[in-house]
Structures are given as structure tokens and as C-alpha cells.
Amino acid sequence: MGEAKRRRMSGADFRKLTTEVTKRLTDEGKLIEAGWVGLRDFVISKDASDVQLAEMRMAFFAGAQHVFSSMMTFMEEGTEPTDADLRRMDHLHAELERFRVEFEGRIAQAAPTKGNA
């Protein structure tokens, strides 16, 4: 989707679209790969070597695998989430939100301004 079209889309419509795409990618077993492609296209230099891309992809997937396996470990047994499960998920969410804010700040600093583009 183009940047101009995304800007015209309402927040609710954008959330609906991203939810649908996320569910579809998960159903297809391609959610993490899609995240990697987005990171590669949005953040990584177009001049990055094949070795650098392969190593960064490995790190991206290793991080995803670590979080998922940790979640499977820290969740209590049973079918219903416990208070401890919810607290742990809240802590995980907070940690990832701190990273998101840091990441967005770094991207904003690196982005060229209209006068510098």
C-alpha cells in the first residue's frame, strides 16, 4: 500500500486491514517472514551484502523464536489464562513497547527531512 493511500485511510480502517493481514499471514505460516521482509525493506540499507542480510534474518528469527518459546514456557498449564499469565504478558508487552518507542525514535532520526532528501 502506498504511503499516500495509507495516510488517507482512517485509523480504524488501518487497524482492521492490519488485523486481517496478520491473521492471513499467521494462517499461512508466514507471519515472521513477513515481519522480516518489512524490517529489511524499511530499515536495512539497500547496499547490505547477502551475508549481512542472512545474518540479520537469522537474528530476527532467533528473537521471534526466543519470545515464542519463552511464552510457551512461562504460561501456566490449563486452557484459561491465569493472573500470573496475564501479568507476564503485560510485562512482555511493556518491554516490547519500550523497544518500539526506541526503534521509532531511531528511525525518525535516520529519516531524511524534506530539505535534506
PDB file of N, CA and C in Angstrom:
ATOM      1  N   MET A   1       0.858  -1.171   0.000  1.00  0.00           N
ATOM      2  CA  MET A   1       0.000   0.000   0.000  1.00  0.00           C
ATOM      3  C   MET A   1       0.897   1.223   0.000  1.00  0.00           C
ATOM      4  N   GLY A   2       0.566   2.191  -0.842  1.00  0.00           N
ATOM      5  CA  GLY A   2       1.348   3.404  -0.918  1.00  0.00           C
ATOM      6  C   GLY A   2       1.179   4.274   0.318  1.00  0.00           C
ATOM      7  N   GLU A   3       2.197   5.094   0.586  1.00  0.00           N
ATOM      8  CA  GLU A   3       2.183   5.968   1.773  1.00  0.00           C
ATOM      9  C   GLU A   3       1.007   6.938   1.733  1.00  0.00           C
ATOM     10  N   ALA A   4       0.731   7.533   0.582  1.00  0.00           N
ATOM     11  CA  ALA A   4      -0.374   8.497   0.493  1.00  0.00           C
ATOM     12  C   ALA A   4      -1.713   7.816   0.775  1.00  0.00           C
ATOM     13  N   LYS A   5      -1.902   6.617   0.240  1.00  0.00           N
ATOM     14  CA  LYS A   5      -3.154   5.906   0.476  1.00  0.00           C
ATOM     15  C   LYS A   5      -3.287   5.533   1.948  1.00  0.00           C
ATOM     16  N   ARG A   6      -2.178   5.099   2.577  1.00  0.00           N
ATOM     17  CA  ARG A   6      -2.215   4.736   3.986  1.00  0.00           C
ATOM     18  C   ARG A   6      -2.596   5.943   4.833  1.00  0.00           C
ATOM     19  N   ARG A   7      -2.089   7.119   4.476  1.00  0.00           N
ATOM     20  CA  ARG A   7      -2.416   8.327   5.233  1.00  0.00           C
ATOM     21  C   ARG A   7      -3.891   8.684   5.118  1.00  0.00           C
ATOM     22  N   ARG A   8      -4.520   8.397   3.981  1.00  0.00           N
ATOM     23  CA  ARG A   8      -5.938   8.699   3.799  1.00  0.00           C
ATOM     24  C   ARG A   8      -6.842   7.717   4.534  1.00  0.00           C
ATOM     25  N   MET A   9      -6.326   6.540   4.824  1.00  0.00           N
ATOM     26  CA  MET A   9      -7.111   5.512   5.493  1.00  0.00           C
ATOM     27  C   MET A   9      -7.283   5.897   6.961  1.00  0.00           C
ATOM     28  N   SER A  10      -8.481   5.713   7.484  1.00  0.00           N
ATOM     29  CA  SER A  10      -8.716   6.037   8.891  1.00  0.00           C
ATOM     30  C   SER A  10      -7.950   5.061   9.776  1.00  0.00           C
ATOM     31  N   GLY A  11      -7.737   5.456  11.017  1.00  0.00           N
ATOM     32  CA  GLY A  11      -7.050   4.590  11.969  1.00  0.00           C
ATOM     33  C   GLY A  11      -7.767   3.271  12.152  1.00  0.00           C
ATOM     34  N   ALA A  12      -9.097   3.329  12.240  1.00  0.00           N
ATOM     35  CA  ALA A  12      -9.882   2.104  12.421  1.00  0.00           C
ATOM     36  C   ALA A  12      -9.763   1.206  11.191  1.00  0.00           C
ATOM     37  N   ASP A  13      -9.805   1.802   9.995  1.00  0.00           N
ATOM     38  CA  ASP A  13      -9.674   1.011   8.772  1.00  0.00           C
ATOM     39  C   ASP A  13      -8.280   0.391   8.672  1.00  0.00           C
ATOM     40  N   PHE A  14      -7.258   1.157   9.057  1.00  0.00           N
ATOM     41  CA  PHE A  14      -5.890   0.642   9.009  1.00  0.00           C
ATOM     42  C   PHE A  14      -5.726  -0.518   9.989  1.00  0.00           C
ATOM     43  N   ARG A  15      -6.270  -0.383  11.210  1.00  0.00           N
ATOM     44  CA  ARG A  15      -6.196  -1.471  12.193  1.00  0.00           C
ATOM     45  C   ARG A  15      -6.930  -2.710  11.685  1.00  0.00           C
ATOM     46  N   LYS A  16      -8.081  -2.509  11.052  1.00  0.00           N
ATOM     47  CA  LYS A  16      -8.845  -3.636  10.508  1.00  0.00           C
ATOM     48  C   LYS A  16      -8.030  -4.347   9.429  1.00  0.00           C
ATOM     49  N   LEU A  17      -7.434  -3.574   8.537  1.00  0.00           N
ATOM     50  CA  LEU A  17      -6.623  -4.153   7.467  1.00  0.00           C
ATOM     51  C   LEU A  17      -5.430  -4.906   8.035  1.00  0.00           C
ATOM     52  N   THR A  18      -4.713  -4.295   8.973  1.00  0.00           N
ATOM     53  CA  THR A  18      -3.538  -4.972   9.534  1.00  0.00           C
ATOM     54  C   THR A  18      -3.937  -6.223  10.310  1.00  0.00           C
ATOM     55  N   THR A  19      -5.078  -6.194  10.976  1.00  0.00           N
ATOM     56  CA  THR A  19      -5.563  -7.392  11.680  1.00  0.00           C
ATOM     57  C   THR A  19      -5.853  -8.506  10.683  1.00  0.00           C
ATOM     58  N   GLU A  20      -6.517  -8.179   9.590  1.00  0.00           N
ATOM     59  CA  GLU A  20      -6.834  -9.190   8.575  1.00  0.00           C
ATOM     60  C   GLU A  20      -5.562  -9.766   7.957  1.00  0.00           C
ATOM     61  N   VAL A  21      -4.624  -8.900   7.621  1.00  0.00           N
ATOM     62  CA  VAL A  21      -3.368  -9.360   7.019  1.00  0.00           C
ATOM     63  C   VAL A  21      -2.590 -10.220   8.009  1.00  0.00           C
ATOM     64  N   THR A  22      -2.543  -9.800   9.275  1.00  0.00           N
ATOM     65  CA  THR A  22      -1.829 -10.565  10.291  1.00  0.00           C
ATOM     66  C   THR A  22      -2.431 -11.953  10.448  1.00  0.00           C
ATOM     67  N   LYS A  23      -3.749 -12.037  10.488  1.00  0.00           N
ATOM     68  CA  LYS A  23      -4.403 -13.344  10.619  1.00  0.00           C
ATOM     69  C   LYS A  23      -4.127 -14.213   9.397  1.00  0.00           C
ATOM     70  N   ARG A  24      -4.199 -13.618   8.220  1.00  0.00           N
ATOM     71  CA  ARG A  24      -3.953 -14.391   6.996  1.00  0.00           C
ATOM     72  C   ARG A  24      -2.516 -14.904   6.964  1.00  0.00           C
ATOM     73  N   LEU A  25      -1.559 -14.037   7.277  1.00  0.00           N
ATOM     74  CA  LEU A  25      -0.160 -14.450   7.281  1.00  0.00           C
ATOM     75  C   LEU A  25       0.098 -15.536   8.320  1.00  0.00           C
ATOM     76  N   THR A  26      -0.529 -15.412   9.478  1.00  0.00           N
ATOM     77  CA  THR A  26      -0.374 -16.436  10.512  1.00  0.00           C
ATOM     78  C   THR A  26      -0.961 -17.752  10.036  1.00  0.00           C
ATOM     79  N   ASP A  27      -2.148 -17.707   9.440  1.00  0.00           N
ATOM     80  CA  ASP A  27      -2.780 -18.921   8.923  1.00  0.00           C
ATOM     81  C   ASP A  27      -1.911 -19.597   7.859  1.00  0.00           C
ATOM     82  N   GLU A  28      -1.165 -18.789   7.108  1.00  0.00           N
ATOM     83  CA  GLU A  28      -0.301 -19.321   6.045  1.00  0.00           C
ATOM     84  C   GLU A  28       1.084 -19.704   6.563  1.00  0.00           C
ATOM     85  N   GLY A  29       1.351 -19.458   7.845  1.00  0.00           N
ATOM     86  CA  GLY A  29       2.666 -19.768   8.398  1.00  0.00           C
ATOM     87  C   GLY A  29       3.752 -18.835   7.905  1.00  0.00           C
ATOM     88  N   LYS A  30       3.391 -17.567   7.661  1.00  0.00           N
ATOM     89  CA  LYS A  30       4.348 -16.607   7.094  1.00  0.00           C
ATOM     90  C   LYS A  30       4.430 -15.306   7.880  1.00  0.00           C
ATOM     91  N   LEU A  31       3.949 -15.278   9.105  1.00  0.00           N
ATOM     92  CA  LEU A  31       3.912 -14.035   9.876  1.00  0.00           C
ATOM     93  C   LEU A  31       5.314 -13.489  10.157  1.00  0.00           C
ATOM     94  N   ILE A  32       6.202 -14.330  10.628  1.00  0.00           N
ATOM     95  CA  ILE A  32       7.545 -13.860  10.989  1.00  0.00           C
ATOM     96  C   ILE A  32       8.324 -13.493   9.730  1.00  0.00           C
ATOM     97  N   GLU A  33       8.175 -14.284   8.685  1.00  0.00           N
ATOM     98  CA  GLU A  33       8.840 -13.956   7.422  1.00  0.00           C
ATOM     99  C   GLU A  33       8.378 -12.588   6.909  1.00  0.00           C
ATOM    100  N   ALA A  34       7.094 -12.318   7.010  1.00  0.00           N
ATOM    101  CA  ALA A  34       6.579 -11.018   6.570  1.00  0.00           C
ATOM    102  C   ALA A  34       7.146  -9.894   7.430  1.00  0.00           C
ATOM    103  N   GLY A  35       7.270 -10.137   8.721  1.00  0.00           N
ATOM    104  CA  GLY A  35       7.890  -9.132   9.589  1.00  0.00           C
ATOM    105  C   GLY A  35       9.323  -8.865   9.190  1.00  0.00           C
ATOM    106  N   TRP A  36      10.051  -9.929   8.864  1.00  0.00           N
ATOM    107  CA  TRP A  36      11.436  -9.782   8.431  1.00  0.00           C
ATOM    108  C   TRP A  36      11.509  -8.970   7.129  1.00  0.00           C
ATOM    109  N   VAL A  37      10.643  -9.282   6.181  1.00  0.00           N
ATOM    110  CA  VAL A  37      10.640  -8.556   4.903  1.00  0.00           C
ATOM    111  C   VAL A  37      10.369  -7.069   5.147  1.00  0.00           C
ATOM    112  N   GLY A  38       9.405  -6.781   6.030  1.00  0.00           N
ATOM    113  CA  GLY A  38       9.114  -5.386   6.342  1.00  0.00           C
ATOM    114  C   GLY A  38      10.307  -4.678   6.970  1.00  0.00           C
ATOM    115  N   LEU A  39      10.958  -5.323   7.913  1.00  0.00           N
ATOM    116  CA  LEU A  39      12.141  -4.732   8.542  1.00  0.00           C
ATOM    117  C   LEU A  39      13.239  -4.513   7.513  1.00  0.00           C
ATOM    118  N   ARG A  40      13.480  -5.534   6.709  1.00  0.00           N
ATOM    119  CA  ARG A  40      14.540  -5.435   5.690  1.00  0.00           C
ATOM    120  C   ARG A  40      14.272  -4.265   4.744  1.00  0.00           C
ATOM    121  N   ASP A  41      13.043  -4.166   4.272  1.00  0.00           N
ATOM    122  CA  ASP A  41      12.721  -3.122   3.308  1.00  0.00           C
ATOM    123  C   ASP A  41      12.705  -1.734   3.923  1.00  0.00           C
ATOM    124  N   PHE A  42      12.300  -1.636   5.180  1.00  0.00           N
ATOM    125  CA  PHE A  42      12.109  -0.333   5.816  1.00  0.00           C
ATOM    126  C   PHE A  42      13.374   0.196   6.469  1.00  0.00           C
ATOM    127  N   VAL A  43      14.228  -0.698   6.968  1.00  0.00           N
ATOM    128  CA  VAL A  43      15.330  -0.265   7.825  1.00  0.00           C
ATOM    129  C   VAL A  43      16.709  -0.552   7.255  1.00  0.00           C
ATOM    130  N   ILE A  44      16.870  -1.675   6.601  1.00  0.00           N
ATOM    131  CA  ILE A  44      18.208  -2.120   6.209  1.00  0.00           C
ATOM    132  C   ILE A  44      18.609  -1.474   4.892  1.00  0.00           C
ATOM    133  N   SER A  45      19.857  -1.051   4.829  1.00  0.00           N
ATOM    134  CA  SER A  45      20.392  -0.410   3.639  1.00  0.00           C
ATOM    135  C   SER A  45      20.218  -1.299   2.418  1.00  0.00           C
ATOM    136  N   LYS A  46      19.875  -0.674   1.320  1.00  0.00           N
ATOM    137  CA  LYS A  46      19.716  -1.410   0.058  1.00  0.00           C
ATOM    138  C   LYS A  46      21.065  -1.969  -0.403  1.00  0.00           C
ATOM    139  N   ASP A  47      22.168  -1.441   0.151  1.00  0.00           N
ATOM    140  CA  ASP A  47      23.508  -1.896  -0.204  1.00  0.00           C
ATOM    141  C   ASP A  47      24.009  -3.027   0.692  1.00  0.00           C
ATOM    142  N   ALA A  48      23.174  -3.510   1.617  1.00  0.00           N
ATOM    143  CA  ALA A  48      23.606  -4.567   2.533  1.00  0.00           C
ATOM    144  C   ALA A  48      23.986  -5.815   1.732  1.00  0.00           C
ATOM    145  N   SER A  49      25.048  -6.459   2.185  1.00  0.00           N
ATOM    146  CA  SER A  49      25.513  -7.661   1.487  1.00  0.00           C
ATOM    147  C   SER A  49      24.584  -8.839   1.772  1.00  0.00           C
ATOM    148  N   ASP A  50      24.697  -9.861   0.946  1.00  0.00           N
ATOM    149  CA  ASP A  50      23.910 -11.076   1.161  1.00  0.00           C
ATOM    150  C   ASP A  50      24.243 -11.701   2.519  1.00  0.00           C
ATOM    151  N   VAL A  51      25.500 -11.651   2.915  1.00  0.00           N
ATOM    152  CA  VAL A  51      25.905 -12.208   4.211  1.00  0.00           C
ATOM    153  C   VAL A  51      25.251 -11.417   5.342  1.00  0.00           C
ATOM    154  N   GLN A  52      25.290 -10.090   5.250  1.00  0.00           N
ATOM    155  CA  GLN A  52      24.665  -9.262   6.284  1.00  0.00           C
ATOM    156  C   GLN A  52      23.166  -9.541   6.359  1.00  0.00           C
ATOM    157  N   LEU A  53      22.501  -9.631   5.215  1.00  0.00           N
ATOM    158  CA  LEU A  53      21.066  -9.920   5.207  1.00  0.00           C
ATOM    159  C   LEU A  53      20.771 -11.289   5.824  1.00  0.00           C
ATOM    160  N   ALA A  54      21.573 -12.283   5.480  1.00  0.00           N
ATOM    161  CA  ALA A  54      21.357 -13.626   6.034  1.00  0.00           C
ATOM    162  C   ALA A  54      21.554 -13.627   7.545  1.00  0.00           C
ATOM    163  N   GLU A  55      22.572 -12.929   8.028  1.00  0.00           N
ATOM    164  CA  GLU A  55      22.837 -12.875   9.471  1.00  0.00           C
ATOM    165  C   GLU A  55      21.734 -12.098  10.198  1.00  0.00           C
ATOM    166  N   MET A  56      21.264 -11.011   9.601  1.00  0.00           N
ATOM    167  CA  MET A  56      20.198 -10.231  10.228  1.00  0.00           C
ATOM    168  C   MET A  56      18.881 -11.016  10.241  1.00  0.00           C
ATOM    169  N   ARG A  57      18.613 -11.757   9.173  1.00  0.00           N
ATOM    170  CA  ARG A  57      17.410 -12.599   9.146  1.00  0.00           C
ATOM    171  C   ARG A  57      17.498 -13.655  10.237  1.00  0.00           C
ATOM    172  N   MET A  58      18.677 -14.245  10.392  1.00  0.00           N
ATOM    173  CA  MET A  58      18.869 -15.246  11.443  1.00  0.00           C
ATOM    174  C   MET A  58      18.605 -14.623  12.817  1.00  0.00           C
ATOM    175  N   ALA A  59      19.112 -13.432  13.054  1.00  0.00           N
ATOM    176  CA  ALA A  59      18.900 -12.757  14.341  1.00  0.00           C
ATOM    177  C   ALA A  59      17.419 -12.425  14.549  1.00  0.00           C
ATOM    178  N   PHE A  60      16.749 -11.979  13.504  1.00  0.00           N
ATOM    179  CA  PHE A  60      15.328 -11.645  13.601  1.00  0.00           C
ATOM    180  C   PHE A  60      14.514 -12.881  13.982  1.00  0.00           C
ATOM    181  N   PHE A  61      14.751 -13.982  13.271  1.00  0.00           N
ATOM    182  CA  PHE A  61      14.019 -15.217  13.571  1.00  0.00           C
ATOM    183  C   PHE A  61      14.405 -15.775  14.938  1.00  0.00           C
ATOM    184  N   ALA A  62      15.667 -15.635  15.319  1.00  0.00           N
ATOM    185  CA  ALA A  62      16.087 -16.119  16.638  1.00  0.00           C
ATOM    186  C   ALA A  62      15.361 -15.353  17.736  1.00  0.00           C
ATOM    187  N   GLY A  63      15.191 -14.060  17.561  1.00  0.00           N
ATOM    188  CA  GLY A  63      14.445 -13.265  18.535  1.00  0.00           C
ATOM    189  C   GLY A  63      12.998 -13.697  18.613  1.00  0.00           C
ATOM    190  N   ALA A  64      12.392 -13.928  17.469  1.00  0.00           N
ATOM    191  CA  ALA A  64      10.995 -14.383  17.446  1.00  0.00           C
ATOM    192  C   ALA A  64      10.873 -15.752  18.109  1.00  0.00           C
ATOM    193  N   GLN A  65      11.802 -16.644  17.810  1.00  0.00           N
ATOM    194  CA  GLN A  65      11.760 -17.979  18.396  1.00  0.00           C
ATOM    195  C   GLN A  65      11.949 -17.911  19.906  1.00  0.00           C
ATOM    196  N   HIS A  66      12.840 -17.043  20.365  1.00  0.00           N
ATOM    197  CA  HIS A  66      13.080 -16.883  21.798  1.00  0.00           C
ATOM    198  C   HIS A  66      11.811 -16.416  22.514  1.00  0.00           C
ATOM    199  N   VAL A  67      11.159 -15.400  21.968  1.00  0.00           N
ATOM    200  CA  VAL A  67       9.946 -14.880  22.609  1.00  0.00           C
ATOM    201  C   VAL A  67       8.858 -15.948  22.619  1.00  0.00           C
ATOM    202  N   PHE A  68       8.654 -16.619  21.493  1.00  0.00           N
ATOM    203  CA  PHE A  68       7.583 -17.610  21.441  1.00  0.00           C
ATOM    204  C   PHE A  68       7.849 -18.779  22.391  1.00  0.00           C
ATOM    205  N   SER A  69       9.062 -19.311  22.370  1.00  0.00           N
ATOM    206  CA  SER A  69       9.344 -20.447  23.256  1.00  0.00           C
ATOM    207  C   SER A  69       9.288 -20.023  24.714  1.00  0.00           C
ATOM    208  N   SER A  70       9.685 -18.794  25.012  1.00  0.00           N
ATOM    209  CA  SER A  70       9.580 -18.294  26.383  1.00  0.00           C
ATOM    210  C   SER A  70       8.123 -18.184  26.811  1.00  0.00           C
ATOM    211  N   MET A  71       7.263 -17.712  25.916  1.00  0.00           N
ATOM    212  CA  MET A  71       5.836 -17.627  26.229  1.00  0.00           C
ATOM    213  C   MET A  71       5.267 -19.011  26.514  1.00  0.00           C
ATOM    214  N   MET A  72       5.657 -19.978  25.716  1.00  0.00           N
ATOM    215  CA  MET A  72       5.151 -21.327  25.915  1.00  0.00           C
ATOM    216  C   MET A  72       5.646 -21.894  27.251  1.00  0.00           C
ATOM    217  N   THR A  73       6.794 -21.419  27.710  1.00  0.00           N
ATOM    218  CA  THR A  73       7.346 -21.874  28.984  1.00  0.00           C
ATOM    219  C   THR A  73       6.708 -21.169  30.166  1.00  0.00           C
ATOM    220  N   PHE A  74       6.500 -19.852  30.073  1.00  0.00           N
ATOM    221  CA  PHE A  74       6.012 -19.122  31.243  1.00  0.00           C
ATOM    222  C   PHE A  74       4.504 -19.191  31.448  1.00  0.00           C
ATOM    223  N   MET A  75       3.763 -19.665  30.455  1.00  0.00           N
ATOM    224  CA  MET A  75       2.315 -19.794  30.627  1.00  0.00           C
ATOM    225  C   MET A  75       2.014 -20.990  31.532  1.00  0.00           C
ATOM    226  N   GLU A  76       1.074 -20.781  32.449  1.00  0.00           N
ATOM    227  CA  GLU A  76       0.676 -21.849  33.369  1.00  0.00           C
ATOM    228  C   GLU A  76      -0.086 -22.922  32.598  1.00  0.00           C
ATOM    229  N   GLU A  77      -0.083 -24.135  33.124  1.00  0.00           N
ATOM    230  CA  GLU A  77      -0.839 -25.215  32.484  1.00  0.00           C
ATOM    231  C   GLU A  77      -2.336 -24.928  32.582  1.00  0.00           C
ATOM    232  N   GLY A  78      -3.082 -25.465  31.649  1.00  0.00           N
ATOM    233  CA  GLY A  78      -4.523 -25.271  31.623  1.00  0.00           C
ATOM    234  C   GLY A  78      -4.931 -24.510  30.379  1.00  0.00           C
ATOM    235  N   THR A  79      -6.235 -24.408  30.197  1.00  0.00           N
ATOM    236  CA  THR A  79      -6.743 -23.760  28.985  1.00  0.00           C
ATOM    237  C   THR A  79      -7.088 -22.292  29.194  1.00  0.00           C
ATOM    238  N   GLU A  80      -7.287 -21.881  30.435  1.00  0.00           N
ATOM    239  CA  GLU A  80      -7.646 -20.488  30.722  1.00  0.00           C
ATOM    240  C   GLU A  80      -6.423 -19.733  31.244  1.00  0.00           C
ATOM    241  N   PRO A  81      -6.254 -18.480  30.792  1.00  0.00           N
ATOM    242  CA  PRO A  81      -5.121 -17.701  31.305  1.00  0.00           C
ATOM    243  C   PRO A  81      -5.291 -17.406  32.798  1.00  0.00           C
ATOM    244  N   THR A  82      -4.187 -17.487  33.521  1.00  0.00           N
ATOM    245  CA  THR A  82      -4.198 -17.187  34.953  1.00  0.00           C
ATOM    246  C   THR A  82      -3.788 -15.738  35.159  1.00  0.00           C
ATOM    247  N   ASP A  83      -3.933 -15.250  36.373  1.00  0.00           N
ATOM    248  CA  ASP A  83      -3.465 -13.900  36.698  1.00  0.00           C
ATOM    249  C   ASP A  83      -1.963 -13.787  36.433  1.00  0.00           C
ATOM    250  N   ALA A  84      -1.224 -14.834  36.753  1.00  0.00           N
ATOM    251  CA  ALA A  84       0.225 -14.824  36.504  1.00  0.00           C
ATOM    252  C   ALA A  84       0.512 -14.757  35.002  1.00  0.00           C
ATOM    253  N   ASP A  85      -0.256 -15.489  34.192  1.00  0.00           N
ATOM    254  CA  ASP A  85      -0.084 -15.427  32.740  1.00  0.00           C
ATOM    255  C   ASP A  85      -0.305 -14.004  32.234  1.00  0.00           C
ATOM    256  N   LEU A  86      -1.375 -13.398  32.687  1.00  0.00           N
ATOM    257  CA  LEU A  86      -1.704 -12.040  32.234  1.00  0.00           C
ATOM    258  C   LEU A  86      -0.648 -11.046  32.681  1.00  0.00           C
ATOM    259  N   ARG A  87      -0.159 -11.188  33.898  1.00  0.00           N
ATOM    260  CA  ARG A  87       0.892 -10.293  34.402  1.00  0.00           C
ATOM    261  C   ARG A  87       2.164 -10.456  33.560  1.00  0.00           C
ATOM    262  N   ARG A  88       2.523 -11.693  33.264  1.00  0.00           N
ATOM    263  CA  ARG A  88       3.721 -11.938  32.444  1.00  0.00           C
ATOM    264  C   ARG A  88       3.552 -11.361  31.037  1.00  0.00           C
ATOM    265  N   MET A  89       2.372 -11.530  30.468  1.00  0.00           N
ATOM    266  CA  MET A  89       2.125 -10.958  29.143  1.00  0.00           C
ATOM    267  C   MET A  89       2.167  -9.434  29.190  1.00  0.00           C
ATOM    268  N   ASP A  90       1.657  -8.837  30.256  1.00  0.00           N
ATOM    269  CA  ASP A  90       1.743  -7.383  30.419  1.00  0.00           C
ATOM    270  C   ASP A  90       3.195  -6.925  30.475  1.00  0.00           C
ATOM    271  N   HIS A  91       4.028  -7.674  31.208  1.00  0.00           N
ATOM    272  CA  HIS A  91       5.456  -7.325  31.295  1.00  0.00           C
ATOM    273  C   HIS A  91       6.133  -7.463  29.928  1.00  0.00           C
ATOM    274  N   LEU A  92       5.801  -8.527  29.203  1.00  0.00           N
ATOM    275  CA  LEU A  92       6.355  -8.718  27.868  1.00  0.00           C
ATOM    276  C   LEU A  92       5.913  -7.587  26.941  1.00  0.00           C
ATOM    277  N   HIS A  93       4.648  -7.242  27.023  1.00  0.00           N
ATOM    278  CA  HIS A  93       4.129  -6.139  26.203  1.00  0.00           C
ATOM    279  C   HIS A  93       4.848  -4.827  26.533  1.00  0.00           C
ATOM    280  N   ALA A  94       5.030  -4.546  27.806  1.00  0.00           N
ATOM    281  CA  ALA A  94       5.710  -3.307  28.214  1.00  0.00           C
ATOM    282  C   ALA A  94       7.150  -3.279  27.694  1.00  0.00           C
ATOM    283  N   GLU A  95       7.839  -4.421  27.780  1.00  0.00           N
ATOM    284  CA  GLU A  95       9.215  -4.480  27.290  1.00  0.00           C
ATOM    285  C   GLU A  95       9.265  -4.211  25.791  1.00  0.00           C
ATOM    286  N   LEU A  96       8.350  -4.813  25.051  1.00  0.00           N
ATOM    287  CA  LEU A  96       8.324  -4.603  23.605  1.00  0.00           C
ATOM    288  C   LEU A  96       7.889  -3.183  23.243  1.00  0.00           C
ATOM    289  N   GLU A  97       7.021  -2.593  24.036  1.00  0.00           N
ATOM    290  CA  GLU A  97       6.629  -1.197  23.795  1.00  0.00           C
ATOM    291  C   GLU A  97       7.812  -0.255  24.003  1.00  0.00           C
ATOM    292  N   ARG A  98       8.630  -0.520  25.023  1.00  0.00           N
ATOM    293  CA  ARG A  98       9.834   0.304  25.225  1.00  0.00           C
ATOM    294  C   ARG A  98      10.742   0.206  24.000  1.00  0.00           C
ATOM    295  N   PHE A  99      10.890  -1.009  23.484  1.00  0.00           N
ATOM    296  CA  PHE A  99      11.700  -1.176  22.282  1.00  0.00           C
ATOM    297  C   PHE A  99      11.082  -0.437  21.097  1.00  0.00           C
ATOM    298  N   ARG A 100       9.764  -0.547  20.931  1.00  0.00           N
ATOM    299  CA  ARG A 100       9.089   0.111  19.809  1.00  0.00           C
ATOM    300  C   ARG A 100       9.342   1.616  19.824  1.00  0.00           C
ATOM    301  N   VAL A 101       9.234   2.222  20.992  1.00  0.00           N
ATOM    302  CA  VAL A 101       9.467   3.659  21.120  1.00  0.00           C
ATOM    303  C   VAL A 101      10.915   3.992  20.743  1.00  0.00           C
ATOM    304  N   GLU A 102      11.862   3.201  21.250  1.00  0.00           N
ATOM    305  CA  GLU A 102      13.273   3.410  20.918  1.00  0.00           C
ATOM    306  C   GLU A 102      13.504   3.245  19.411  1.00  0.00           C
ATOM    307  N   PHE A 103      12.920   2.197  18.849  1.00  0.00           N
ATOM    308  CA  PHE A 103      13.070   1.903  17.424  1.00  0.00           C
ATOM    309  C   PHE A 103      12.508   3.040  16.571  1.00  0.00           C
ATOM    310  N   GLU A 104      11.303   3.495  16.899  1.00  0.00           N
ATOM    311  CA  GLU A 104      10.699   4.584  16.135  1.00  0.00           C
ATOM    312  C   GLU A 104      11.523   5.860  16.248  1.00  0.00           C
ATOM    313  N   GLY A 105      12.109   6.100  17.423  1.00  0.00           N
ATOM    314  CA  GLY A 105      12.971   7.269  17.587  1.00  0.00           C
ATOM    315  C   GLY A 105      14.204   7.190  16.700  1.00  0.00           C
ATOM    316  N   ARG A 106      14.795   6.020  16.633  1.00  0.00           N
ATOM    317  CA  ARG A 106      15.988   5.848  15.791  1.00  0.00           C
ATOM    318  C   ARG A 106      15.638   6.005  14.318  1.00  0.00           C
ATOM    319  N   ILE A 107      14.487   5.480  13.910  1.00  0.00           N
ATOM    320  CA  ILE A 107      14.061   5.597  12.515  1.00  0.00           C
ATOM    321  C   ILE A 107      13.800   7.066  12.180  1.00  0.00           C
ATOM    322  N   ALA A 108      13.144   7.773  13.101  1.00  0.00           N
ATOM    323  CA  ALA A 108      12.850   9.191  12.868  1.00  0.00           C
ATOM    324  C   ALA A 108      14.134   9.994  12.728  1.00  0.00           C
ATOM    325  N   GLN A 109      15.146   9.668  13.524  1.00  0.00           N
ATOM    326  CA  GLN A 109      16.441  10.386  13.437  1.00  0.00           C
ATOM    327  C   GLN A 109      17.151  10.108  12.120  1.00  0.00           C
ATOM    328  N   ALA A 110      16.993   8.888  11.627  1.00  0.00           N
ATOM    329  CA  ALA A 110      17.696   8.497  10.409  1.00  0.00           C
ATOM    330  C   ALA A 110      16.991   8.943   9.139  1.00  0.00           C
ATOM    331  N   ALA A 111      15.684   9.241   9.242  1.00  0.00           N
ATOM    332  CA  ALA A 111      14.916   9.616   8.056  1.00  0.00           C
ATOM    333  C   ALA A 111      15.344  10.988   7.556  1.00  0.00           C
ATOM    334  N   PRO A 112      15.512  11.112   6.258  1.00  0.00           N
ATOM    335  CA  PRO A 112      15.862  12.427   5.710  1.00  0.00           C
ATOM    336  C   PRO A 112      14.685  13.386   5.834  1.00  0.00           C
ATOM    337  N   THR A 113      14.980  14.621   6.117  1.00  0.00           N
ATOM    338  CA  THR A 113      13.931  15.631   6.142  1.00  0.00           C
ATOM    339  C   THR A 113      13.713  16.130   4.726  1.00  0.00           C
ATOM    340  N   LYS A 114      12.613  16.837   4.496  1.00  0.00           N
ATOM    341  CA  LYS A 114      12.304  17.311   3.146  1.00  0.00           C
ATOM    342  C   LYS A 114      13.421  18.193   2.592  1.00  0.00           C
ATOM    343  N   GLY A 115      14.067  18.963   3.450  1.00  0.00           N
ATOM    344  CA  GLY A 115      15.154  19.816   2.984  1.00  0.00           C
ATOM    345  C   GLY A 115      16.432  19.052   2.699  1.00  0.00           C
ATOM    346  N   ASN A 116      16.566  17.837   3.281  1.00  0.00           N
ATOM    347  CA  ASN A 116      17.790  17.055   3.107  1.00  0.00           C
ATOM    348  C   ASN A 116      17.631  15.904   2.146  1.00  0.00           C
ATOM    349  N   ALA A 117      16.435  15.653   1.669  1.00  0.00           N
ATOM    350  CA  ALA A 117      16.194  14.475   0.815  1.00  0.00           C
ATOM    351  C   ALA A 117      16.730  14.665  -0.573  1.00  0.00           C
TER     352      ALA A 117
END
